[in-house]
Amino acid sequence: MTQEIIGANEEAAEEAGFQIVHVRRDNVLSLASWPATGWSGEYKWLSGGRGPASPLIRPGDKISLQIWDNSDNSLLTSETQKAVSLTELDVTPGGTVFVPYAEDVRISGLSPDAARRKIQEALQPFIPAVQVQLGYAAGRENSVDLVSGVSKPGTYSLPDRNSSVLSMIAQGGGISSSLDNPLVRLMRGGKTYEIRADTLFADASYNTLLRGGDKIVVQEDQRYFTAFGASGNESLVHFQKEEITALEAMSLIGGLNDQRANPKGVLVLRAYEPEQLRLDESGPNQQDVVFVFNLTNGEGLFAARKFRIHPKDTVIVTESPVMTVRTVFGLLNTLLVTNNRF
């Protein structure tokens, strides 16, 4: 990749204290491989699919048993009562439930129907003609927290292993209409996954299945870039989609002001961390980098279409062409004094 220092002279570049890169079609793809700033560089999400239509019993769940025995000398029932009910039985941290005569029966990891059969088999040595009905209520390990960003936040039970993130959001009343550019976060096992809500809604393959203990947080996408200069607009501009190009950024801030802005002087300012610096042109060689665009020709326009804006970048439209390092140095010093930014 060739990096062009405008008005090449090493003394001026060293004095400036920042790197200047002229963005063109022949280097824009290489620039895309430079380290991400302002965020991780991409959203990470889990793929969707289908799961079994039955839940699995976990510690903390509750079950109820209806035990039927028609024998004359029943161990559980009387002559006038052929069934006994056992309610609110806790599945212990060890995954067992206490059943009279059968004692502790391990049912964790079984579906409710499989647990019913196992309890019935455990009772048969004592009650040969026994029949068992089982009711199931999900506990903490089979529930999901809808934390925020929906109409009805709270803890919701997973009815089965086919419960998806979209069905859970629907149970919570849907995403709040007050959120602009909502982002869906899924917290699981100490990791956080993110996806923009519009992307999640548009592609069924992203409708991932939930697990007990998951937490869902819906909030506005907090990523932004700063825009000011001769564009006629000085503000924080929030990302409206996962990736924004330099050309799209110009559109978001209202385009170029025909009376003030010079399309030869569009700058993107970016700060890198010390550990992101490189000496082999695979990354920046200074922490502060100024990317320069010339939008008066196809070369610059096509480069701007492919150059991705990072969160916390600063987009500046100047009132004059940017030709030398000293020009940029003086421009940034002026902006620092007048705006107290960058």
C-alpha atoms as a PDB file:
ATOM      1  CA  MET A   1       0.000   0.000   0.000  1.00  0.00           C
ATOM      2  CA  THR A   2       1.303   3.434  -0.867  1.00  0.00           C
ATOM      3  CA  GLN A   3       0.604   6.156   1.655  1.00  0.00           C
ATOM      4  CA  GLU A   4       0.929   9.655   0.259  1.00  0.00           C
ATOM      5  CA  ILE A   5       2.110  12.399   2.617  1.00  0.00           C
ATOM      6  CA  ILE A   6       0.721  15.533   1.029  1.00  0.00           C
ATOM      7  CA  GLY A   7       3.417  18.054   0.188  1.00  0.00           C
ATOM      8  CA  ALA A   8       6.028  15.437   1.124  1.00  0.00           C
ATOM      9  CA  ASN A   9       8.640  16.678   3.528  1.00  0.00           C
ATOM     10  CA  GLU A  10       9.698  14.713   6.581  1.00  0.00           C
ATOM     11  CA  GLU A  11      10.482  17.752   8.709  1.00  0.00           C
ATOM     12  CA  ALA A  12       6.941  19.131   8.334  1.00  0.00           C
ATOM     13  CA  ALA A  13       5.390  15.737   9.000  1.00  0.00           C
ATOM     14  CA  GLU A  14       7.455  15.271  12.157  1.00  0.00           C
ATOM     15  CA  GLU A  15       6.560  18.798  13.303  1.00  0.00           C
ATOM     16  CA  ALA A  16       2.870  18.125  12.716  1.00  0.00           C
ATOM     17  CA  GLY A  17       2.855  15.122  15.053  1.00  0.00           C
ATOM     18  CA  PHE A  18       0.303  13.219  13.016  1.00  0.00           C
ATOM     19  CA  GLN A  19       0.191  11.096   9.887  1.00  0.00           C
ATOM     20  CA  ILE A  20      -1.586  12.284   6.748  1.00  0.00           C
ATOM     21  CA  VAL A  21      -2.911   9.708   4.290  1.00  0.00           C
ATOM     22  CA  HIS A  22      -4.417  10.598   0.929  1.00  0.00           C
ATOM     23  CA  VAL A  23      -7.238   8.063   0.345  1.00  0.00           C
ATOM     24  CA  ARG A  24      -7.416   6.711  -3.187  1.00  0.00           C
ATOM     25  CA  ARG A  25      -8.880   3.684  -4.918  1.00  0.00           C
ATOM     26  CA  ASP A  26      -5.514   1.896  -4.898  1.00  0.00           C
ATOM     27  CA  ASN A  27      -5.092   2.071  -1.114  1.00  0.00           C
ATOM     28  CA  VAL A  28      -8.628   2.151   0.299  1.00  0.00           C
ATOM     29  CA  LEU A  29      -8.864  -1.651   0.624  1.00  0.00           C
ATOM     30  CA  SER A  30      -5.543  -1.794   2.456  1.00  0.00           C
ATOM     31  CA  LEU A  31      -6.719   0.957   4.796  1.00  0.00           C
ATOM     32  CA  ALA A  32      -9.783  -1.154   5.620  1.00  0.00           C
ATOM     33  CA  SER A  33      -7.459  -3.731   7.204  1.00  0.00           C
ATOM     34  CA  TRP A  34      -6.017  -1.189   9.653  1.00  0.00           C
ATOM     35  CA  PRO A  35      -6.971  -1.766  13.310  1.00  0.00           C
ATOM     36  CA  ALA A  36     -10.501  -0.899  14.397  1.00  0.00           C
ATOM     37  CA  THR A  37     -10.999   2.137  16.631  1.00  0.00           C
ATOM     38  CA  GLY A  38     -13.960   3.212  18.723  1.00  0.00           C
ATOM     39  CA  TRP A  39     -15.377  -0.329  18.923  1.00  0.00           C
ATOM     40  CA  SER A  40     -14.574  -3.970  18.204  1.00  0.00           C
ATOM     41  CA  GLY A  41     -14.864  -3.484  14.437  1.00  0.00           C
ATOM     42  CA  GLU A  42     -17.880  -5.721  13.883  1.00  0.00           C
ATOM     43  CA  TYR A  43     -20.950  -7.075  15.601  1.00  0.00           C
ATOM     44  CA  LYS A  44     -20.720 -10.692  16.724  1.00  0.00           C
ATOM     45  CA  TRP A  45     -23.907 -12.737  16.797  1.00  0.00           C
ATOM     46  CA  LEU A  46     -25.056 -16.350  16.999  1.00  0.00           C
ATOM     47  CA  SER A  47     -26.754 -18.071  14.085  1.00  0.00           C
ATOM     48  CA  GLY A  48     -30.338 -19.257  14.415  1.00  0.00           C
ATOM     49  CA  GLY A  49     -31.948 -22.643  13.937  1.00  0.00           C
ATOM     50  CA  ARG A  50     -34.640 -24.917  15.327  1.00  0.00           C
ATOM     51  CA  GLY A  51     -34.657 -26.841  18.575  1.00  0.00           C
ATOM     52  CA  PRO A  52     -36.788 -29.567  20.191  1.00  0.00           C
ATOM     53  CA  ALA A  53     -40.314 -28.604  21.171  1.00  0.00           C
ATOM     54  CA  SER A  54     -39.850 -29.752  24.770  1.00  0.00           C
ATOM     55  CA  PRO A  55     -37.841 -28.206  27.616  1.00  0.00           C
ATOM     56  CA  LEU A  56     -35.194 -29.956  29.683  1.00  0.00           C
ATOM     57  CA  ILE A  57     -35.578 -29.991  33.440  1.00  0.00           C
ATOM     58  CA  ARG A  58     -32.867 -28.062  35.299  1.00  0.00           C
ATOM     59  CA  PRO A  59     -31.987 -27.491  38.964  1.00  0.00           C
ATOM     60  CA  GLY A  60     -34.305 -24.872  40.423  1.00  0.00           C
ATOM     61  CA  ASP A  61     -37.321 -25.984  38.366  1.00  0.00           C
ATOM     62  CA  LYS A  62     -40.449 -27.124  40.168  1.00  0.00           C
ATOM     63  CA  ILE A  63     -42.522 -30.173  39.364  1.00  0.00           C
ATOM     64  CA  SER A  64     -45.825 -31.534  40.618  1.00  0.00           C
ATOM     65  CA  LEU A  65     -46.793 -35.208  40.658  1.00  0.00           C
ATOM     66  CA  GLN A  66     -50.164 -36.921  40.505  1.00  0.00           C
ATOM     67  CA  ILE A  67     -49.586 -40.564  41.504  1.00  0.00           C
ATOM     68  CA  TRP A  68     -52.358 -43.087  40.777  1.00  0.00           C
ATOM     69  CA  ASP A  69     -52.647 -46.475  42.490  1.00  0.00           C
ATOM     70  CA  ASN A  70     -55.667 -48.793  42.162  1.00  0.00           C
ATOM     71  CA  SER A  71     -54.358 -51.577  44.406  1.00  0.00           C
ATOM     72  CA  ASP A  72     -56.320 -52.521  47.523  1.00  0.00           C
ATOM     73  CA  ASN A  73     -53.334 -52.176  49.834  1.00  0.00           C
ATOM     74  CA  SER A  74     -51.808 -49.000  48.435  1.00  0.00           C
ATOM     75  CA  LEU A  75     -48.799 -47.481  50.142  1.00  0.00           C
ATOM     76  CA  LEU A  76     -49.854 -43.977  49.122  1.00  0.00           C
ATOM     77  CA  THR A  77     -53.644 -43.856  48.802  1.00  0.00           C
ATOM     78  CA  SER A  78     -56.651 -44.799  50.903  1.00  0.00           C
ATOM     79  CA  GLU A  79     -59.628 -46.999  49.929  1.00  0.00           C
ATOM     80  CA  THR A  80     -61.649 -43.931  48.930  1.00  0.00           C
ATOM     81  CA  GLN A  81     -58.832 -42.045  47.290  1.00  0.00           C
ATOM     82  CA  LYS A  82     -56.982 -43.579  44.364  1.00  0.00           C
ATOM     83  CA  ALA A  83     -54.553 -40.714  43.687  1.00  0.00           C
ATOM     84  CA  VAL A  84     -52.226 -38.526  45.697  1.00  0.00           C
ATOM     85  CA  SER A  85     -50.867 -35.132  44.689  1.00  0.00           C
ATOM     86  CA  LEU A  86     -47.364 -33.896  45.432  1.00  0.00           C
ATOM     87  CA  THR A  87     -46.950 -30.210  44.522  1.00  0.00           C
ATOM     88  CA  GLU A  88     -44.115 -27.667  44.443  1.00  0.00           C
ATOM     89  CA  LEU A  89     -41.328 -30.234  44.425  1.00  0.00           C
ATOM     90  CA  ASP A  90     -37.960 -28.494  43.908  1.00  0.00           C
ATOM     91  CA  VAL A  91     -35.353 -29.947  41.631  1.00  0.00           C
ATOM     92  CA  THR A  92     -32.253 -29.830  43.810  1.00  0.00           C
ATOM     93  CA  PRO A  93     -28.868 -28.391  42.774  1.00  0.00           C
ATOM     94  CA  GLY A  94     -27.839 -32.019  42.263  1.00  0.00           C
ATOM     95  CA  GLY A  95     -30.651 -32.470  39.745  1.00  0.00           C
ATOM     96  CA  THR A  96     -32.810 -34.805  41.874  1.00  0.00           C
ATOM     97  CA  VAL A  97     -36.342 -34.712  43.265  1.00  0.00           C
ATOM     98  CA  PHE A  98     -37.558 -36.567  46.318  1.00  0.00           C
ATOM     99  CA  VAL A  99     -40.357 -39.089  45.699  1.00  0.00           C
ATOM    100  CA  PRO A 100     -41.829 -41.161  48.581  1.00  0.00           C
ATOM    101  CA  TYR A 101     -40.452 -44.733  48.586  1.00  0.00           C
ATOM    102  CA  ALA A 102     -38.349 -44.095  45.484  1.00  0.00           C
ATOM    103  CA  GLU A 103     -36.414 -41.405  47.396  1.00  0.00           C
ATOM    104  CA  ASP A 104     -34.118 -39.183  45.292  1.00  0.00           C
ATOM    105  CA  VAL A 105     -34.719 -39.588  41.564  1.00  0.00           C
ATOM    106  CA  ARG A 106     -32.375 -37.774  39.213  1.00  0.00           C
ATOM    107  CA  ILE A 107     -34.362 -35.979  36.503  1.00  0.00           C
ATOM    108  CA  SER A 108     -32.135 -33.032  35.541  1.00  0.00           C
ATOM    109  CA  GLY A 109     -31.442 -32.987  31.807  1.00  0.00           C
ATOM    110  CA  LEU A 110     -34.603 -34.958  30.995  1.00  0.00           C
ATOM    111  CA  SER A 111     -37.693 -33.722  29.210  1.00  0.00           C
ATOM    112  CA  PRO A 112     -40.829 -33.634  31.417  1.00  0.00           C
ATOM    113  CA  ASP A 113     -42.181 -36.747  29.681  1.00  0.00           C
ATOM    114  CA  ALA A 114     -38.919 -38.660  30.165  1.00  0.00           C
ATOM    115  CA  ALA A 115     -38.836 -37.558  33.822  1.00  0.00           C
ATOM    116  CA  ARG A 116     -42.400 -38.816  34.291  1.00  0.00           C
ATOM    117  CA  ARG A 117     -41.463 -42.242  32.937  1.00  0.00           C
ATOM    118  CA  LYS A 118     -38.351 -42.430  35.103  1.00  0.00           C
ATOM    119  CA  ILE A 119     -40.294 -41.581  38.290  1.00  0.00           C
ATOM    120  CA  GLN A 120     -42.976 -44.101  37.383  1.00  0.00           C
ATOM    121  CA  GLU A 121     -40.340 -46.816  36.823  1.00  0.00           C
ATOM    122  CA  ALA A 122     -38.708 -45.924  40.163  1.00  0.00           C
ATOM    123  CA  LEU A 123     -42.052 -46.439  41.957  1.00  0.00           C
ATOM    124  CA  GLN A 124     -43.044 -49.699  40.262  1.00  0.00           C
ATOM    125  CA  PRO A 125     -41.067 -52.006  42.639  1.00  0.00           C
ATOM    126  CA  PHE A 126     -43.193 -50.596  45.483  1.00  0.00           C
ATOM    127  CA  ILE A 127     -46.450 -49.894  43.591  1.00  0.00           C
ATOM    128  CA  PRO A 128     -46.675 -52.308  40.649  1.00  0.00           C
ATOM    129  CA  ALA A 129     -49.751 -50.711  39.029  1.00  0.00           C
ATOM    130  CA  VAL A 130     -48.606 -47.100  39.573  1.00  0.00           C
ATOM    131  CA  GLN A 131     -49.329 -44.380  37.015  1.00  0.00           C
ATOM    132  CA  VAL A 132     -47.756 -40.933  37.221  1.00  0.00           C
ATOM    133  CA  GLN A 133     -48.703 -37.541  35.820  1.00  0.00           C
ATOM    134  CA  LEU A 134     -46.106 -34.778  35.958  1.00  0.00           C
ATOM    135  CA  GLY A 135     -46.487 -31.001  35.822  1.00  0.00           C
ATOM    136  CA  TYR A 136     -43.522 -28.721  35.186  1.00  0.00           C
ATOM    137  CA  ALA A 137     -42.704 -25.071  35.998  1.00  0.00           C
ATOM    138  CA  ALA A 138     -39.458 -23.481  34.803  1.00  0.00           C
ATOM    139  CA  GLY A 139     -37.025 -22.103  37.355  1.00  0.00           C
ATOM    140  CA  ARG A 140     -34.097 -19.733  37.043  1.00  0.00           C
ATOM    141  CA  GLU A 141     -31.987 -21.958  34.796  1.00  0.00           C
ATOM    142  CA  ASN A 142     -34.859 -22.263  32.321  1.00  0.00           C
ATOM    143  CA  SER A 143     -35.703 -18.555  32.243  1.00  0.00           C
ATOM    144  CA  VAL A 144     -34.462 -15.493  30.365  1.00  0.00           C
ATOM    145  CA  ASP A 145     -34.189 -11.886  31.553  1.00  0.00           C
ATOM    146  CA  LEU A 146     -35.499  -9.140  29.278  1.00  0.00           C
ATOM    147  CA  VAL A 147     -33.555  -6.333  30.890  1.00  0.00           C
ATOM    148  CA  SER A 148     -34.459  -3.190  28.964  1.00  0.00           C
ATOM    149  CA  GLY A 149     -35.640  -1.687  25.701  1.00  0.00           C
ATOM    150  CA  VAL A 150     -38.960  -3.570  25.552  1.00  0.00           C
ATOM    151  CA  SER A 151     -42.445  -2.616  26.707  1.00  0.00           C
ATOM    152  CA  LYS A 152     -42.550  -5.203  29.502  1.00  0.00           C
ATOM    153  CA  PRO A 153     -39.099  -6.018  30.927  1.00  0.00           C
ATOM    154  CA  GLY A 154     -38.885  -8.951  33.296  1.00  0.00           C
ATOM    155  CA  THR A 155     -37.992 -12.616  33.713  1.00  0.00           C
ATOM    156  CA  TYR A 156     -39.679 -15.003  31.276  1.00  0.00           C
ATOM    157  CA  SER A 157     -39.760 -18.795  31.337  1.00  0.00           C
ATOM    158  CA  LEU A 158     -38.607 -20.733  28.305  1.00  0.00           C
ATOM    159  CA  PRO A 159     -41.517 -22.967  27.266  1.00  0.00           C
ATOM    160  CA  ASP A 160     -39.224 -25.230  25.227  1.00  0.00           C
ATOM    161  CA  ARG A 161     -35.839 -25.452  23.546  1.00  0.00           C
ATOM    162  CA  ASN A 162     -37.221 -23.819  20.413  1.00  0.00           C
ATOM    163  CA  SER A 163     -37.652 -20.389  22.013  1.00  0.00           C
ATOM    164  CA  SER A 164     -35.914 -17.698  19.959  1.00  0.00           C
ATOM    165  CA  VAL A 165     -34.758 -14.171  20.644  1.00  0.00           C
ATOM    166  CA  LEU A 166     -37.531 -12.709  18.464  1.00  0.00           C
ATOM    167  CA  SER A 167     -40.259 -14.697  20.226  1.00  0.00           C
ATOM    168  CA  MET A 168     -38.900 -13.537  23.593  1.00  0.00           C
ATOM    169  CA  ILE A 169     -38.837  -9.884  22.491  1.00  0.00           C
ATOM    170  CA  ALA A 170     -42.439 -10.335  21.324  1.00  0.00           C
ATOM    171  CA  GLN A 171     -43.396 -11.680  24.765  1.00  0.00           C
ATOM    172  CA  GLY A 172     -41.945  -8.519  26.239  1.00  0.00           C
ATOM    173  CA  GLY A 173     -44.219  -6.370  24.088  1.00  0.00           C
ATOM    174  CA  GLY A 174     -41.709  -5.625  21.342  1.00  0.00           C
ATOM    175  CA  ILE A 175     -38.899  -3.093  21.137  1.00  0.00           C
ATOM    176  CA  SER A 176     -39.780   0.298  22.567  1.00  0.00           C
ATOM    177  CA  SER A 177     -40.781   2.773  19.860  1.00  0.00           C
ATOM    178  CA  SER A 178     -38.786   5.495  21.635  1.00  0.00           C
ATOM    179  CA  LEU A 179     -35.459   3.888  20.663  1.00  0.00           C
ATOM    180  CA  ASP A 180     -33.653   5.188  17.582  1.00  0.00           C
ATOM    181  CA  ASN A 181     -31.414   2.687  15.777  1.00  0.00           C
ATOM    182  CA  PRO A 182     -31.941  -0.052  18.411  1.00  0.00           C
ATOM    183  CA  LEU A 183     -29.236  -2.606  19.100  1.00  0.00           C
ATOM    184  CA  VAL A 184     -29.983  -6.064  20.566  1.00  0.00           C
ATOM    185  CA  ARG A 185     -27.430  -7.499  23.013  1.00  0.00           C
ATOM    186  CA  LEU A 186     -27.440 -11.112  24.185  1.00  0.00           C
ATOM    187  CA  MET A 187     -25.380 -11.925  27.285  1.00  0.00           C
ATOM    188  CA  ARG A 188     -24.516 -15.586  27.720  1.00  0.00           C
ATOM    189  CA  GLY A 189     -21.831 -17.404  29.665  1.00  0.00           C
ATOM    190  CA  GLY A 190     -19.756 -14.295  30.301  1.00  0.00           C
ATOM    191  CA  LYS A 191     -19.825 -13.243  26.624  1.00  0.00           C
ATOM    192  CA  THR A 192     -21.840 -10.507  24.921  1.00  0.00           C
ATOM    193  CA  TYR A 193     -23.216 -10.761  21.388  1.00  0.00           C
ATOM    194  CA  GLU A 194     -24.656  -7.798  19.475  1.00  0.00           C
ATOM    195  CA  ILE A 195     -26.770  -7.206  16.388  1.00  0.00           C
ATOM    196  CA  ARG A 196     -28.714  -4.270  15.065  1.00  0.00           C
ATOM    197  CA  ALA A 197     -32.458  -4.790  15.389  1.00  0.00           C
ATOM    198  CA  ASP A 198     -33.128  -4.059  11.704  1.00  0.00           C
ATOM    199  CA  THR A 199     -30.604  -6.745  10.710  1.00  0.00           C
ATOM    200  CA  LEU A 200     -32.155  -9.223  13.143  1.00  0.00           C
ATOM    201  CA  PHE A 201     -35.642  -8.561  11.765  1.00  0.00           C
ATOM    202  CA  ALA A 202     -34.531  -8.820   8.143  1.00  0.00           C
ATOM    203  CA  ASP A 203     -32.844 -12.240   8.214  1.00  0.00           C
ATOM    204  CA  ALA A 204     -34.354 -15.349   9.830  1.00  0.00           C
ATOM    205  CA  SER A 205     -30.921 -16.973  10.105  1.00  0.00           C
ATOM    206  CA  TYR A 206     -30.087 -14.516  12.911  1.00  0.00           C
ATOM    207  CA  ASN A 207     -33.091 -15.555  15.037  1.00  0.00           C
ATOM    208  CA  THR A 208     -30.933 -17.469  17.498  1.00  0.00           C
ATOM    209  CA  LEU A 209     -32.314 -19.901  20.070  1.00  0.00           C
ATOM    210  CA  LEU A 210     -32.201 -18.891  23.713  1.00  0.00           C
ATOM    211  CA  ARG A 211     -30.811 -20.781  26.685  1.00  0.00           C
ATOM    212  CA  GLY A 212     -31.690 -20.575  30.338  1.00  0.00           C
ATOM    213  CA  GLY A 213     -29.835 -17.750  32.055  1.00  0.00           C
ATOM    214  CA  ASP A 214     -29.593 -15.585  28.917  1.00  0.00           C
ATOM    215  CA  LYS A 215     -30.030 -11.839  29.319  1.00  0.00           C
ATOM    216  CA  ILE A 216     -31.362  -9.608  26.544  1.00  0.00           C
ATOM    217  CA  VAL A 217     -30.676  -5.869  26.529  1.00  0.00           C
ATOM    218  CA  VAL A 218     -32.129  -3.596  23.832  1.00  0.00           C
ATOM    219  CA  GLN A 219     -30.747  -0.072  23.621  1.00  0.00           C
ATOM    220  CA  GLU A 220     -29.860   2.571  21.099  1.00  0.00           C
ATOM    221  CA  ASP A 221     -26.684   2.119  19.083  1.00  0.00           C
ATOM    222  CA  GLN A 222     -24.293   4.438  20.938  1.00  0.00           C
ATOM    223  CA  ARG A 223     -21.699   4.664  18.144  1.00  0.00           C
ATOM    224  CA  TYR A 224     -21.241   8.123  16.666  1.00  0.00           C
ATOM    225  CA  PHE A 225     -18.875  10.308  14.708  1.00  0.00           C
ATOM    226  CA  THR A 226     -18.328  14.036  15.027  1.00  0.00           C
ATOM    227  CA  ALA A 227     -18.992  16.333  12.082  1.00  0.00           C
ATOM    228  CA  PHE A 228     -18.002  19.958  11.832  1.00  0.00           C
ATOM    229  CA  GLY A 229     -16.415  22.496   9.522  1.00  0.00           C
ATOM    230  CA  ALA A 230     -17.679  24.023   6.315  1.00  0.00           C
ATOM    231  CA  SER A 231     -20.367  21.370   5.980  1.00  0.00           C
ATOM    232  CA  GLY A 232     -22.574  23.857   7.796  1.00  0.00           C
ATOM    233  CA  ASN A 233     -23.353  21.346  10.542  1.00  0.00           C
ATOM    234  CA  GLU A 234     -21.531  20.720  13.825  1.00  0.00           C
ATOM    235  CA  SER A 235     -22.895  17.760  15.765  1.00  0.00           C
ATOM    236  CA  LEU A 236     -22.583  14.193  16.953  1.00  0.00           C
ATOM    237  CA  VAL A 237     -23.986  11.895  14.269  1.00  0.00           C
ATOM    238  CA  HIS A 238     -25.092   8.430  15.372  1.00  0.00           C
ATOM    239  CA  PHE A 239     -24.569   5.414  13.164  1.00  0.00           C
ATOM    240  CA  GLN A 240     -27.770   4.411  11.405  1.00  0.00           C
ATOM    241  CA  LYS A 241     -26.417   1.052  10.261  1.00  0.00           C
ATOM    242  CA  GLU A 242     -23.519  -1.253  11.064  1.00  0.00           C
ATOM    243  CA  GLU A 243     -21.087   0.330   8.603  1.00  0.00           C
ATOM    244  CA  ILE A 244     -20.982   3.882   7.261  1.00  0.00           C
ATOM    245  CA  THR A 245     -18.699   5.018   4.450  1.00  0.00           C
ATOM    246  CA  ALA A 246     -17.135   8.435   4.118  1.00  0.00           C
ATOM    247  CA  LEU A 247     -19.536   9.288   1.312  1.00  0.00           C
ATOM    248  CA  GLU A 248     -22.521   8.204   3.422  1.00  0.00           C
ATOM    249  CA  ALA A 249     -21.182  10.285   6.290  1.00  0.00           C
ATOM    250  CA  MET A 250     -21.267  13.350   4.053  1.00  0.00           C
ATOM    251  CA  SER A 251     -24.901  12.599   3.275  1.00  0.00           C
ATOM    252  CA  LEU A 252     -25.785  12.163   6.955  1.00  0.00           C
ATOM    253  CA  ILE A 253     -24.400  15.586   7.829  1.00  0.00           C
ATOM    254  CA  GLY A 254     -26.335  17.245   5.014  1.00  0.00           C
ATOM    255  CA  GLY A 255     -23.839  17.083   2.180  1.00  0.00           C
ATOM    256  CA  LEU A 256     -21.417  19.818   1.130  1.00  0.00           C
ATOM    257  CA  ASN A 257     -22.369  23.457   1.506  1.00  0.00           C
ATOM    258  CA  ASP A 258     -22.000  24.833  -2.015  1.00  0.00           C
ATOM    259  CA  GLN A 259     -21.140  28.336  -0.790  1.00  0.00           C
ATOM    260  CA  ARG A 260     -18.499  27.376   1.803  1.00  0.00           C
ATOM    261  CA  ALA A 261     -17.250  23.805   1.441  1.00  0.00           C
ATOM    262  CA  ASN A 262     -14.426  22.757  -0.849  1.00  0.00           C
ATOM    263  CA  PRO A 263     -14.725  19.131  -1.991  1.00  0.00           C
ATOM    264  CA  LYS A 264     -10.914  18.998  -2.228  1.00  0.00           C
ATOM    265  CA  GLY A 265     -10.685  19.473   1.536  1.00  0.00           C
ATOM    266  CA  VAL A 266     -12.667  16.660   3.177  1.00  0.00           C
ATOM    267  CA  LEU A 267     -10.817  15.231   6.184  1.00  0.00           C
ATOM    268  CA  VAL A 268     -11.400  12.310   8.524  1.00  0.00           C
ATOM    269  CA  LEU A 269      -9.525  12.511  11.835  1.00  0.00           C
ATOM    270  CA  ARG A 270      -8.892   9.310  13.772  1.00  0.00           C
ATOM    271  CA  ALA A 271      -6.974   8.386  16.933  1.00  0.00           C
ATOM    272  CA  TYR A 272      -5.278   4.986  17.335  1.00  0.00           C
ATOM    273  CA  GLU A 273      -3.948   3.302  20.467  1.00  0.00           C
ATOM    274  CA  PRO A 274      -0.156   2.968  20.879  1.00  0.00           C
ATOM    275  CA  GLU A 275      -0.325  -0.823  20.524  1.00  0.00           C
ATOM    276  CA  GLN A 276      -2.039  -0.429  17.124  1.00  0.00           C
ATOM    277  CA  LEU A 277       0.890   1.364  15.499  1.00  0.00           C
ATOM    278  CA  ARG A 278       2.800  -0.431  12.734  1.00  0.00           C
ATOM    279  CA  LEU A 279       6.038   0.184  10.872  1.00  0.00           C
ATOM    280  CA  ASP A 280       5.288  -2.063   7.890  1.00  0.00           C
ATOM    281  CA  GLU A 281       2.372  -0.002   6.443  1.00  0.00           C
ATOM    282  CA  SER A 282      -0.161  -2.577   7.695  1.00  0.00           C
ATOM    283  CA  GLY A 283      -1.400   0.106  10.074  1.00  0.00           C
ATOM    284  CA  PRO A 284      -0.772   3.674  11.175  1.00  0.00           C
ATOM    285  CA  ASN A 285       2.721   4.814  12.148  1.00  0.00           C
ATOM    286  CA  GLN A 286       1.423   7.576  14.398  1.00  0.00           C
ATOM    287  CA  GLN A 287      -1.489   7.636  16.855  1.00  0.00           C
ATOM    288  CA  ASP A 288      -3.237  10.600  15.211  1.00  0.00           C
ATOM    289  CA  VAL A 289      -4.069  10.142  11.537  1.00  0.00           C
ATOM    290  CA  VAL A 290      -5.717  12.521   9.078  1.00  0.00           C
ATOM    291  CA  PHE A 291      -7.320  10.870   6.035  1.00  0.00           C
ATOM    292  CA  VAL A 292      -7.746  13.296   3.129  1.00  0.00           C
ATOM    293  CA  PHE A 293     -10.301  12.985   0.305  1.00  0.00           C
ATOM    294  CA  ASN A 294     -10.621  14.817  -2.982  1.00  0.00           C
ATOM    295  CA  LEU A 295     -14.249  14.493  -4.051  1.00  0.00           C
ATOM    296  CA  THR A 296     -13.837  16.439  -7.294  1.00  0.00           C
ATOM    297  CA  ASN A 297     -12.941  13.348  -9.323  1.00  0.00           C
ATOM    298  CA  GLY A 298     -13.970   9.735  -9.710  1.00  0.00           C
ATOM    299  CA  GLU A 299     -10.815   8.532  -7.956  1.00  0.00           C
ATOM    300  CA  GLY A 300     -11.757  10.312  -4.749  1.00  0.00           C
ATOM    301  CA  LEU A 301     -15.477   9.569  -4.979  1.00  0.00           C
ATOM    302  CA  PHE A 302     -14.979   5.813  -5.410  1.00  0.00           C
ATOM    303  CA  ALA A 303     -12.469   5.804  -2.547  1.00  0.00           C
ATOM    304  CA  ALA A 304     -14.959   7.639  -0.310  1.00  0.00           C
ATOM    305  CA  ARG A 305     -17.616   5.052  -1.173  1.00  0.00           C
ATOM    306  CA  LYS A 306     -15.403   2.275   0.223  1.00  0.00           C
ATOM    307  CA  PHE A 307     -13.690   4.037   3.135  1.00  0.00           C
ATOM    308  CA  ARG A 308     -15.395   3.093   6.407  1.00  0.00           C
ATOM    309  CA  ILE A 309     -15.943   5.655   9.124  1.00  0.00           C
ATOM    310  CA  HIS A 310     -15.069   4.431  12.625  1.00  0.00           C
ATOM    311  CA  PRO A 311     -16.948   5.400  15.789  1.00  0.00           C
ATOM    312  CA  LYS A 312     -15.505   8.586  17.337  1.00  0.00           C
ATOM    313  CA  ASP A 313     -13.986   9.690  14.025  1.00  0.00           C
ATOM    314  CA  THR A 314     -14.193  13.390  13.207  1.00  0.00           C
ATOM    315  CA  VAL A 315     -15.352  14.379   9.718  1.00  0.00           C
ATOM    316  CA  ILE A 316     -14.295  17.882   8.649  1.00  0.00           C
ATOM    317  CA  VAL A 317     -15.139  19.772   5.482  1.00  0.00           C
ATOM    318  CA  THR A 318     -12.735  22.670   4.989  1.00  0.00           C
ATOM    319  CA  GLU A 319     -13.201  25.929   3.139  1.00  0.00           C
ATOM    320  CA  SER A 320     -10.043  25.573   1.072  1.00  0.00           C
ATOM    321  CA  PRO A 321      -8.028  22.867  -0.675  1.00  0.00           C
ATOM    322  CA  VAL A 322      -5.691  20.835   1.549  1.00  0.00           C
ATOM    323  CA  MET A 323      -2.343  20.751  -0.211  1.00  0.00           C
ATOM    324  CA  THR A 324       0.453  20.526   2.387  1.00  0.00           C
ATOM    325  CA  VAL A 325       1.228  19.063   5.777  1.00  0.00           C
ATOM    326  CA  ARG A 326       1.624  22.581   7.147  1.00  0.00           C
ATOM    327  CA  THR A 327      -1.817  23.461   5.787  1.00  0.00           C
ATOM    328  CA  VAL A 328      -3.365  20.596   7.746  1.00  0.00           C
ATOM    329  CA  PHE A 329      -1.296  21.441  10.827  1.00  0.00           C
ATOM    330  CA  GLY A 330      -2.464  25.044  10.758  1.00  0.00           C
ATOM    331  CA  LEU A 331      -6.071  24.013  10.098  1.00  0.00           C
ATOM    332  CA  LEU A 332      -6.172  21.648  13.059  1.00  0.00           C
ATOM    333  CA  ASN A 333      -4.551  24.203  15.342  1.00  0.00           C
ATOM    334  CA  THR A 334      -7.247  26.692  14.343  1.00  0.00           C
ATOM    335  CA  LEU A 335     -10.009  24.169  14.982  1.00  0.00           C
ATOM    336  CA  LEU A 336      -8.475  23.268  18.348  1.00  0.00           C
ATOM    337  CA  VAL A 337      -8.514  26.913  19.434  1.00  0.00           C
ATOM    338  CA  THR A 338     -11.952  27.824  18.111  1.00  0.00           C
ATOM    339  CA  ASN A 339     -13.825  24.606  18.878  1.00  0.00           C
ATOM    340  CA  ASN A 340     -11.788  22.988  21.694  1.00  0.00           C
ATOM    341  CA  ARG A 341     -12.091  19.636  19.880  1.00  0.00           C
ATOM    342  CA  PHE A 342      -9.639  17.020  18.568  1.00  0.00           C
END
